[in-house]
Amino acid sequence: MATILAFAGSNSSTSINFQLVKYSASIVGDQAVQLLNMAYFPFPMYSIDHEREKGFSNSLVELKNDINKADGLIISANEHNGNISAYFKNLLDWLSRLERKFLQDKVILLMSTSGGKRGGLGALEIAEKTLVRFGASEVLTFSLPSFKANFDKSKGIVNDGLAKLHQEKIAEFLSKIQA
């Protein structure tokens, strides 16, 4: 059985990307999933001065250790102005200072959703390139456009074509982390 760490790149208590991650984590079968709600993980804005004066928080070290223990990660990157959110960028900055290749040899199912028709594609593209720089061995991607029209909290993804594509991406992800 594989171990999966799942979280959104958002610290919003109402994150639609967290809803997508939570749903995805619920349908991966009998895999062990550690689901993190990043709204409970506040990190100060990264600065070299803060790092030098205060070092790394215990929660950051624990997150890095959880990443190291996981066979694969499910991450949904939220989009702000066509880019990844400041929170997610900040989280990546902190993790990379702890260990540059903190994603070494990890397979990642990277998703994004938004209220718009592009489904957070800007953030998805930037996050994919960034995660590879930090050592991810493979990044599979899925975008869910028009969140309100295509997702229901009790049913999940309601558009048949998108639901099928999502299932295929999860199956591909699982096949790679169990290999």
C-alpha atoms as a PDB file:
ATOM      1  CA  MET A   1       0.000   0.000   0.000  1.00  0.00           C
ATOM      2  CA  ALA A   2       1.320   3.429  -0.962  1.00  0.00           C
ATOM      3  CA  THR A   3       1.376   6.466   1.289  1.00  0.00           C
ATOM      4  CA  ILE A   4       0.037   9.709  -0.180  1.00  0.00           C
ATOM      5  CA  LEU A   5       0.336  13.242   1.168  1.00  0.00           C
ATOM      6  CA  ALA A   6      -2.446  15.526  -0.093  1.00  0.00           C
ATOM      7  CA  PHE A   7      -2.887  19.284   0.287  1.00  0.00           C
ATOM      8  CA  ALA A   8      -3.809  22.453  -1.578  1.00  0.00           C
ATOM      9  CA  GLY A   9      -1.467  25.363  -2.140  1.00  0.00           C
ATOM     10  CA  SER A  10      -4.027  27.585  -0.454  1.00  0.00           C
ATOM     11  CA  ASN A  11      -4.389  28.710   3.144  1.00  0.00           C
ATOM     12  CA  SER A  12      -7.993  29.830   2.653  1.00  0.00           C
ATOM     13  CA  SER A  13     -10.582  28.246   4.938  1.00  0.00           C
ATOM     14  CA  THR A  14     -12.965  28.111   1.945  1.00  0.00           C
ATOM     15  CA  SER A  15     -10.468  26.898  -0.664  1.00  0.00           C
ATOM     16  CA  ILE A  16     -12.034  25.218  -3.689  1.00  0.00           C
ATOM     17  CA  ASN A  17      -8.633  23.684  -4.404  1.00  0.00           C
ATOM     18  CA  PHE A  18      -8.717  22.028  -0.977  1.00  0.00           C
ATOM     19  CA  GLN A  19     -12.208  20.711  -1.802  1.00  0.00           C
ATOM     20  CA  LEU A  20     -10.770  19.172  -4.990  1.00  0.00           C
ATOM     21  CA  VAL A  21      -7.835  17.636  -3.077  1.00  0.00           C
ATOM     22  CA  LYS A  22     -10.145  16.280  -0.381  1.00  0.00           C
ATOM     23  CA  TYR A  23     -12.388  14.690  -3.004  1.00  0.00           C
ATOM     24  CA  SER A  24      -9.410  13.242  -4.879  1.00  0.00           C
ATOM     25  CA  ALA A  25      -7.966  11.799  -1.673  1.00  0.00           C
ATOM     26  CA  SER A  26     -11.304  10.147  -0.916  1.00  0.00           C
ATOM     27  CA  ILE A  27     -11.314   8.138  -4.154  1.00  0.00           C
ATOM     28  CA  VAL A  28      -7.796   6.692  -4.262  1.00  0.00           C
ATOM     29  CA  GLY A  29      -8.919   3.325  -2.945  1.00  0.00           C
ATOM     30  CA  ASP A  30      -7.178   1.643  -0.054  1.00  0.00           C
ATOM     31  CA  GLN A  31      -4.070   3.840  -0.089  1.00  0.00           C
ATOM     32  CA  ALA A  32      -2.980   5.547   3.125  1.00  0.00           C
ATOM     33  CA  VAL A  33      -3.672   9.259   2.657  1.00  0.00           C
ATOM     34  CA  GLN A  34      -2.531  12.053   4.926  1.00  0.00           C
ATOM     35  CA  LEU A  35      -4.754  15.036   4.101  1.00  0.00           C
ATOM     36  CA  LEU A  36      -3.481  18.438   5.243  1.00  0.00           C
ATOM     37  CA  ASN A  37      -5.583  21.580   5.401  1.00  0.00           C
ATOM     38  CA  MET A  38      -3.023  24.339   4.938  1.00  0.00           C
ATOM     39  CA  ALA A  39      -5.351  26.872   6.588  1.00  0.00           C
ATOM     40  CA  TYR A  40      -3.876  25.454   9.808  1.00  0.00           C
ATOM     41  CA  PHE A  41      -0.262  25.938   8.664  1.00  0.00           C
ATOM     42  CA  PRO A  42       0.624  29.625   8.836  1.00  0.00           C
ATOM     43  CA  PHE A  43       4.164  30.434   7.810  1.00  0.00           C
ATOM     44  CA  PRO A  44       5.756  33.880   7.932  1.00  0.00           C
ATOM     45  CA  MET A  45       6.735  35.437   4.630  1.00  0.00           C
ATOM     46  CA  TYR A  46      10.127  34.046   3.767  1.00  0.00           C
ATOM     47  CA  SER A  47      13.145  36.269   4.303  1.00  0.00           C
ATOM     48  CA  ILE A  48      16.781  35.395   4.807  1.00  0.00           C
ATOM     49  CA  ASP A  49      16.770  37.576   7.931  1.00  0.00           C
ATOM     50  CA  HIS A  50      13.884  35.623   9.460  1.00  0.00           C
ATOM     51  CA  GLU A  51      15.590  32.341   8.625  1.00  0.00           C
ATOM     52  CA  ARG A  52      18.879  33.505  10.159  1.00  0.00           C
ATOM     53  CA  GLU A  53      17.249  34.893  13.327  1.00  0.00           C
ATOM     54  CA  LYS A  54      14.568  32.265  13.992  1.00  0.00           C
ATOM     55  CA  GLY A  55      15.430  29.258  11.865  1.00  0.00           C
ATOM     56  CA  PHE A  56      12.785  26.835  10.677  1.00  0.00           C
ATOM     57  CA  SER A  57       9.484  26.219  12.450  1.00  0.00           C
ATOM     58  CA  ASN A  58       8.654  22.757  13.762  1.00  0.00           C
ATOM     59  CA  SER A  59       5.597  22.596  11.509  1.00  0.00           C
ATOM     60  CA  LEU A  60       7.766  23.240   8.439  1.00  0.00           C
ATOM     61  CA  VAL A  61      10.242  20.528   9.434  1.00  0.00           C
ATOM     62  CA  GLU A  62       7.351  18.123  10.083  1.00  0.00           C
ATOM     63  CA  LEU A  63       5.839  18.928   6.673  1.00  0.00           C
ATOM     64  CA  LYS A  64       9.164  18.254   4.957  1.00  0.00           C
ATOM     65  CA  ASN A  65       9.451  14.961   6.853  1.00  0.00           C
ATOM     66  CA  ASP A  66       5.901  14.025   5.799  1.00  0.00           C
ATOM     67  CA  ILE A  67       6.833  14.762   2.189  1.00  0.00           C
ATOM     68  CA  ASN A  68       9.942  12.588   2.519  1.00  0.00           C
ATOM     69  CA  LYS A  69       7.898   9.665   3.897  1.00  0.00           C
ATOM     70  CA  ALA A  70       5.197   9.848   1.212  1.00  0.00           C
ATOM     71  CA  ASP A  71       5.335   7.718  -1.911  1.00  0.00           C
ATOM     72  CA  GLY A  72       3.460  10.399  -3.840  1.00  0.00           C
ATOM     73  CA  LEU A  73       1.762  13.752  -3.407  1.00  0.00           C
ATOM     74  CA  ILE A  74      -1.579  15.147  -4.514  1.00  0.00           C
ATOM     75  CA  ILE A  75      -1.422  18.938  -4.656  1.00  0.00           C
ATOM     76  CA  SER A  76      -3.912  21.448  -6.008  1.00  0.00           C
ATOM     77  CA  ALA A  77      -2.415  24.850  -6.793  1.00  0.00           C
ATOM     78  CA  ASN A  78      -4.727  27.821  -6.564  1.00  0.00           C
ATOM     79  CA  GLU A  79      -4.307  30.698  -8.965  1.00  0.00           C
ATOM     80  CA  HIS A  80      -3.947  34.381  -8.156  1.00  0.00           C
ATOM     81  CA  ASN A  81      -3.634  36.714 -11.149  1.00  0.00           C
ATOM     82  CA  GLY A  82      -2.425  33.946 -13.458  1.00  0.00           C
ATOM     83  CA  ASN A  83       0.235  32.740 -11.031  1.00  0.00           C
ATOM     84  CA  ILE A  84       0.508  30.442  -8.027  1.00  0.00           C
ATOM     85  CA  SER A  85      -0.670  32.069  -4.819  1.00  0.00           C
ATOM     86  CA  ALA A  86       1.751  33.963  -2.590  1.00  0.00           C
ATOM     87  CA  TYR A  87       1.060  31.388   0.135  1.00  0.00           C
ATOM     88  CA  PHE A  88       2.066  28.432  -2.066  1.00  0.00           C
ATOM     89  CA  LYS A  89       5.148  30.237  -3.395  1.00  0.00           C
ATOM     90  CA  ASN A  90       6.133  31.091   0.174  1.00  0.00           C
ATOM     91  CA  LEU A  91       5.662  27.472   1.261  1.00  0.00           C
ATOM     92  CA  LEU A  92       7.881  26.277  -1.591  1.00  0.00           C
ATOM     93  CA  ASP A  93      10.495  28.890  -0.691  1.00  0.00           C
ATOM     94  CA  TRP A  94      10.623  27.725   2.933  1.00  0.00           C
ATOM     95  CA  LEU A  95      10.737  24.026   2.015  1.00  0.00           C
ATOM     96  CA  SER A  96      13.498  24.582  -0.527  1.00  0.00           C
ATOM     97  CA  ARG A  97      15.593  26.351   2.114  1.00  0.00           C
ATOM     98  CA  LEU A  98      15.313  23.320   4.379  1.00  0.00           C
ATOM     99  CA  GLU A  99      16.317  20.972   1.565  1.00  0.00           C
ATOM    100  CA  ARG A 100      16.733  22.141  -2.025  1.00  0.00           C
ATOM    101  CA  LYS A 101      15.499  18.868  -3.549  1.00  0.00           C
ATOM    102  CA  PHE A 102      12.718  18.307  -0.998  1.00  0.00           C
ATOM    103  CA  LEU A 103      10.638  16.549  -3.686  1.00  0.00           C
ATOM    104  CA  GLN A 104      13.444  14.226  -4.793  1.00  0.00           C
ATOM    105  CA  ASP A 105      12.036  11.255  -6.742  1.00  0.00           C
ATOM    106  CA  LYS A 106       8.411  12.076  -5.858  1.00  0.00           C
ATOM    107  CA  VAL A 107       5.536  11.511  -8.245  1.00  0.00           C
ATOM    108  CA  ILE A 108       2.979  14.297  -7.973  1.00  0.00           C
ATOM    109  CA  LEU A 109      -0.590  14.575  -9.133  1.00  0.00           C
ATOM    110  CA  LEU A 110      -0.801  18.342  -9.575  1.00  0.00           C
ATOM    111  CA  MET A 111      -4.249  19.806  -9.987  1.00  0.00           C
ATOM    112  CA  SER A 112      -5.828  23.212 -10.141  1.00  0.00           C
ATOM    113  CA  THR A 113      -9.331  24.594 -10.225  1.00  0.00           C
ATOM    114  CA  SER A 114     -10.893  28.013 -10.389  1.00  0.00           C
ATOM    115  CA  GLY A 115     -14.229  29.644 -11.002  1.00  0.00           C
ATOM    116  CA  GLY A 116     -13.186  30.450 -14.559  1.00  0.00           C
ATOM    117  CA  LYS A 117     -13.034  28.471 -17.773  1.00  0.00           C
ATOM    118  CA  ARG A 118      -9.233  28.053 -17.664  1.00  0.00           C
ATOM    119  CA  GLY A 119      -9.366  26.156 -14.379  1.00  0.00           C
ATOM    120  CA  GLY A 120      -6.220  27.747 -12.972  1.00  0.00           C
ATOM    121  CA  LEU A 121      -4.041  26.723 -15.929  1.00  0.00           C
ATOM    122  CA  GLY A 122      -1.628  29.614 -15.316  1.00  0.00           C
ATOM    123  CA  ALA A 123      -0.868  28.376 -11.808  1.00  0.00           C
ATOM    124  CA  LEU A 124      -0.778  24.768 -12.967  1.00  0.00           C
ATOM    125  CA  GLU A 125       1.874  25.481 -15.599  1.00  0.00           C
ATOM    126  CA  ILE A 126       4.058  27.503 -13.219  1.00  0.00           C
ATOM    127  CA  ALA A 127       3.704  25.001 -10.369  1.00  0.00           C
ATOM    128  CA  GLU A 128       4.589  22.072 -12.639  1.00  0.00           C
ATOM    129  CA  LYS A 129       7.880  23.681 -13.695  1.00  0.00           C
ATOM    130  CA  THR A 130       8.687  24.690 -10.136  1.00  0.00           C
ATOM    131  CA  LEU A 131       8.042  21.264  -8.611  1.00  0.00           C
ATOM    132  CA  VAL A 132      10.359  19.606 -11.125  1.00  0.00           C
ATOM    133  CA  ARG A 133      13.114  22.064 -10.131  1.00  0.00           C
ATOM    134  CA  PHE A 134      12.786  20.805  -6.557  1.00  0.00           C
ATOM    135  CA  GLY A 135      13.298  17.183  -7.573  1.00  0.00           C
ATOM    136  CA  ALA A 136       9.890  15.783  -8.505  1.00  0.00           C
ATOM    137  CA  SER A 137      10.475  12.822 -10.802  1.00  0.00           C
ATOM    138  CA  GLU A 138       7.131  13.157 -12.545  1.00  0.00           C
ATOM    139  CA  VAL A 139       4.232  15.605 -12.414  1.00  0.00           C
ATOM    140  CA  LEU A 140       0.851  14.533 -13.778  1.00  0.00           C
ATOM    141  CA  THR A 141      -1.604  17.391 -14.240  1.00  0.00           C
ATOM    142  CA  PHE A 142      -5.366  17.881 -14.114  1.00  0.00           C
ATOM    143  CA  SER A 143      -7.351  21.111 -14.394  1.00  0.00           C
ATOM    144  CA  LEU A 144     -10.982  21.491 -13.362  1.00  0.00           C
ATOM    145  CA  PRO A 145     -12.503  24.582 -15.012  1.00  0.00           C
ATOM    146  CA  SER A 146     -15.616  26.408 -13.808  1.00  0.00           C
ATOM    147  CA  PHE A 147     -15.585  24.875 -10.336  1.00  0.00           C
ATOM    148  CA  LYS A 148     -19.140  25.789  -9.354  1.00  0.00           C
ATOM    149  CA  ALA A 149     -20.588  24.303 -12.549  1.00  0.00           C
ATOM    150  CA  ASN A 150     -18.469  21.139 -12.497  1.00  0.00           C
ATOM    151  CA  PHE A 151     -18.177  20.188  -8.817  1.00  0.00           C
ATOM    152  CA  ASP A 152     -20.680  19.256  -6.140  1.00  0.00           C
ATOM    153  CA  LYS A 153     -19.567  18.750  -2.524  1.00  0.00           C
ATOM    154  CA  SER A 154     -21.547  15.533  -2.144  1.00  0.00           C
ATOM    155  CA  LYS A 155     -21.063  14.118  -5.669  1.00  0.00           C
ATOM    156  CA  GLY A 156     -17.608  15.373  -6.628  1.00  0.00           C
ATOM    157  CA  ILE A 157     -16.909  16.151 -10.275  1.00  0.00           C
ATOM    158  CA  VAL A 158     -20.261  16.196 -12.057  1.00  0.00           C
ATOM    159  CA  ASN A 159     -19.134  16.721 -15.657  1.00  0.00           C
ATOM    160  CA  ASP A 160     -18.803  13.194 -17.087  1.00  0.00           C
ATOM    161  CA  GLY A 161     -15.846  13.965 -19.359  1.00  0.00           C
ATOM    162  CA  LEU A 162     -13.904  15.766 -16.630  1.00  0.00           C
ATOM    163  CA  ALA A 163     -14.763  13.067 -14.085  1.00  0.00           C
ATOM    164  CA  LYS A 164     -13.410  10.403 -16.446  1.00  0.00           C
ATOM    165  CA  LEU A 165     -10.208  12.361 -17.094  1.00  0.00           C
ATOM    166  CA  HIS A 166      -9.765  12.894 -13.328  1.00  0.00           C
ATOM    167  CA  GLN A 167     -10.196   9.154 -12.690  1.00  0.00           C
ATOM    168  CA  GLU A 168      -7.646   8.375 -15.417  1.00  0.00           C
ATOM    169  CA  LYS A 169      -5.111  10.773 -13.878  1.00  0.00           C
ATOM    170  CA  ILE A 170      -5.620   9.239 -10.429  1.00  0.00           C
ATOM    171  CA  ALA A 171      -5.205   5.738 -11.847  1.00  0.00           C
ATOM    172  CA  GLU A 172      -2.015   6.767 -13.664  1.00  0.00           C
ATOM    173  CA  PHE A 173      -0.693   8.437 -10.500  1.00  0.00           C
ATOM    174  CA  LEU A 174      -1.427   5.338  -8.402  1.00  0.00           C
ATOM    175  CA  SER A 175       0.233   3.042 -10.944  1.00  0.00           C
ATOM    176  CA  LYS A 176       3.410   5.136 -10.781  1.00  0.00           C
ATOM    177  CA  ILE A 177       3.669   5.289  -6.985  1.00  0.00           C
ATOM    178  CA  GLN A 178       2.960   1.586  -6.566  1.00  0.00           C
ATOM    179  CA  ALA A 179       5.458   0.475  -9.222  1.00  0.00           C
END
